[in-house]
Amino acid sequence: MGAWSTPVGLGLLALLLLGLALSYPLSHDEQQYVAGAALLFDLQIYRDYMYIQTPYWAFVLGTAIELVGERPFLVGRLVNWVLSSGCV
């Protein structure tokens, strides 16, 4: 094992996580998180719509959706992939 094996292994793991993030079937939980994040800049969370989680994920995901401007489900999965890869 050379010095390159760890970065290559981490890169392969990141690609595996990307494949899983993009191919996993859509769930009703994901719809609730993305909808809450997409409404974040037009309405006030908890006052104007119900959001049953703490607001942190809505703020992170809502900011990413606002920056990209379209395809909120894809943005959500990519943000989730980046954060998951960062934990590895």
C-alpha atoms as a PDB file:
ATOM      1  CA  MET A   1       0.000   0.000   0.000  1.00  0.00           C
ATOM      2  CA  GLY A   2       1.426   3.310  -1.094  1.00  0.00           C
ATOM      3  CA  ALA A   3       0.751   6.821   0.081  1.00  0.00           C
ATOM      4  CA  TRP A   4      -1.889   7.174  -2.647  1.00  0.00           C
ATOM      5  CA  SER A   5      -4.117   4.362  -1.331  1.00  0.00           C
ATOM      6  CA  THR A   6      -5.932   6.419   1.303  1.00  0.00           C
ATOM      7  CA  PRO A   7      -6.911   9.341  -0.994  1.00  0.00           C
ATOM      8  CA  VAL A   8      -7.929   6.918  -3.734  1.00  0.00           C
ATOM      9  CA  GLY A   9     -10.020   4.892  -1.290  1.00  0.00           C
ATOM     10  CA  LEU A  10     -11.720   8.015   0.038  1.00  0.00           C
ATOM     11  CA  GLY A  11     -12.386   9.195  -3.514  1.00  0.00           C
ATOM     12  CA  LEU A  12     -13.964   5.856  -4.407  1.00  0.00           C
ATOM     13  CA  LEU A  13     -16.076   5.971  -1.257  1.00  0.00           C
ATOM     14  CA  ALA A  14     -17.218   9.500  -2.145  1.00  0.00           C
ATOM     15  CA  LEU A  15     -18.207   8.306  -5.634  1.00  0.00           C
ATOM     16  CA  LEU A  16     -20.098   5.391  -4.117  1.00  0.00           C
ATOM     17  CA  LEU A  17     -21.969   7.774  -1.819  1.00  0.00           C
ATOM     18  CA  LEU A  18     -22.763  10.016  -4.807  1.00  0.00           C
ATOM     19  CA  GLY A  19     -24.194   7.066  -6.714  1.00  0.00           C
ATOM     20  CA  LEU A  20     -26.328   6.100  -3.739  1.00  0.00           C
ATOM     21  CA  ALA A  21     -27.510   9.678  -3.208  1.00  0.00           C
ATOM     22  CA  LEU A  22     -28.603  10.091  -6.819  1.00  0.00           C
ATOM     23  CA  SER A  23     -30.173   6.660  -7.313  1.00  0.00           C
ATOM     24  CA  TYR A  24     -32.048   6.189  -4.047  1.00  0.00           C
ATOM     25  CA  PRO A  25     -35.852   6.219  -4.519  1.00  0.00           C
ATOM     26  CA  LEU A  26     -37.739   9.359  -3.516  1.00  0.00           C
ATOM     27  CA  SER A  27     -39.344   9.110  -0.082  1.00  0.00           C
ATOM     28  CA  HIS A  28     -42.121  11.080   1.571  1.00  0.00           C
ATOM     29  CA  ASP A  29     -39.674  12.260   4.242  1.00  0.00           C
ATOM     30  CA  GLU A  30     -37.464  13.813   1.592  1.00  0.00           C
ATOM     31  CA  GLN A  31     -40.462  15.627   0.141  1.00  0.00           C
ATOM     32  CA  GLN A  32     -41.233  17.177   3.539  1.00  0.00           C
ATOM     33  CA  TYR A  33     -37.659  18.379   4.063  1.00  0.00           C
ATOM     34  CA  VAL A  34     -37.317  19.838   0.578  1.00  0.00           C
ATOM     35  CA  ALA A  35     -40.740  21.505   0.693  1.00  0.00           C
ATOM     36  CA  GLY A  36     -39.967  23.088   4.064  1.00  0.00           C
ATOM     37  CA  ALA A  37     -36.632  24.358   2.796  1.00  0.00           C
ATOM     38  CA  ALA A  38     -38.095  25.661  -0.463  1.00  0.00           C
ATOM     39  CA  LEU A  39     -40.740  27.661   1.435  1.00  0.00           C
ATOM     40  CA  LEU A  40     -38.197  29.119   3.833  1.00  0.00           C
ATOM     41  CA  PHE A  41     -37.550  32.388   1.989  1.00  0.00           C
ATOM     42  CA  ASP A  42     -41.192  33.103   1.136  1.00  0.00           C
ATOM     43  CA  LEU A  43     -42.839  32.173   4.430  1.00  0.00           C
ATOM     44  CA  GLN A  44     -41.790  32.064   8.066  1.00  0.00           C
ATOM     45  CA  ILE A  45     -41.077  28.609   9.394  1.00  0.00           C
ATOM     46  CA  TYR A  46     -43.384  27.408  12.219  1.00  0.00           C
ATOM     47  CA  ARG A  47     -45.635  30.468  11.912  1.00  0.00           C
ATOM     48  CA  ASP A  48     -46.813  30.046   8.318  1.00  0.00           C
ATOM     49  CA  TYR A  49     -46.273  26.316   7.820  1.00  0.00           C
ATOM     50  CA  MET A  50     -45.652  23.264   9.937  1.00  0.00           C
ATOM     51  CA  TYR A  51     -42.128  21.895  10.025  1.00  0.00           C
ATOM     52  CA  ILE A  52     -41.715  19.061  12.507  1.00  0.00           C
ATOM     53  CA  GLN A  53     -37.912  19.132  12.781  1.00  0.00           C
ATOM     54  CA  THR A  54     -35.443  21.623  14.146  1.00  0.00           C
ATOM     55  CA  PRO A  55     -34.837  24.371  11.565  1.00  0.00           C
ATOM     56  CA  TYR A  56     -31.137  23.714  10.902  1.00  0.00           C
ATOM     57  CA  TRP A  57     -31.576  21.433   7.891  1.00  0.00           C
ATOM     58  CA  ALA A  58     -34.206  23.759   6.442  1.00  0.00           C
ATOM     59  CA  PHE A  59     -31.790  26.696   6.662  1.00  0.00           C
ATOM     60  CA  VAL A  60     -28.880  24.777   5.102  1.00  0.00           C
ATOM     61  CA  LEU A  61     -30.959  23.233   2.347  1.00  0.00           C
ATOM     62  CA  GLY A  62     -33.039  26.367   1.782  1.00  0.00           C
ATOM     63  CA  THR A  63     -29.909  28.446   1.291  1.00  0.00           C
ATOM     64  CA  ALA A  64     -28.551  25.947  -1.236  1.00  0.00           C
ATOM     65  CA  ILE A  65     -31.871  25.874  -3.099  1.00  0.00           C
ATOM     66  CA  GLU A  66     -31.968  29.674  -3.151  1.00  0.00           C
ATOM     67  CA  LEU A  67     -28.429  29.845  -4.557  1.00  0.00           C
ATOM     68  CA  VAL A  68     -29.084  27.303  -7.317  1.00  0.00           C
ATOM     69  CA  GLY A  69     -32.617  28.435  -8.055  1.00  0.00           C
ATOM     70  CA  GLU A  70     -34.078  25.246  -9.491  1.00  0.00           C
ATOM     71  CA  ARG A  71     -34.265  21.456  -9.088  1.00  0.00           C
ATOM     72  CA  PRO A  72     -34.649  21.439  -5.289  1.00  0.00           C
ATOM     73  CA  PHE A  73     -34.626  17.640  -4.970  1.00  0.00           C
ATOM     74  CA  LEU A  74     -31.346  17.351  -6.851  1.00  0.00           C
ATOM     75  CA  VAL A  75     -29.869  20.173  -4.776  1.00  0.00           C
ATOM     76  CA  GLY A  76     -31.015  18.412  -1.611  1.00  0.00           C
ATOM     77  CA  ARG A  77     -29.364  15.169  -2.603  1.00  0.00           C
ATOM     78  CA  LEU A  78     -26.142  16.890  -3.600  1.00  0.00           C
ATOM     79  CA  VAL A  79     -25.986  18.848  -0.338  1.00  0.00           C
ATOM     80  CA  ASN A  80     -26.624  15.627   1.538  1.00  0.00           C
ATOM     81  CA  TRP A  81     -23.814  13.942  -0.438  1.00  0.00           C
ATOM     82  CA  VAL A  82     -21.341  16.754   0.265  1.00  0.00           C
ATOM     83  CA  LEU A  83     -22.075  16.677   3.989  1.00  0.00           C
ATOM     84  CA  SER A  84     -21.966  12.871   4.117  1.00  0.00           C
ATOM     85  CA  SER A  85     -18.660  12.803   2.262  1.00  0.00           C
ATOM     86  CA  GLY A  86     -17.287  15.397   4.654  1.00  0.00           C
ATOM     87  CA  CYS A  87     -18.066  13.098   7.582  1.00  0.00           C
ATOM     88  CA  VAL A  88     -15.971  10.312   6.068  1.00  0.00           C
END
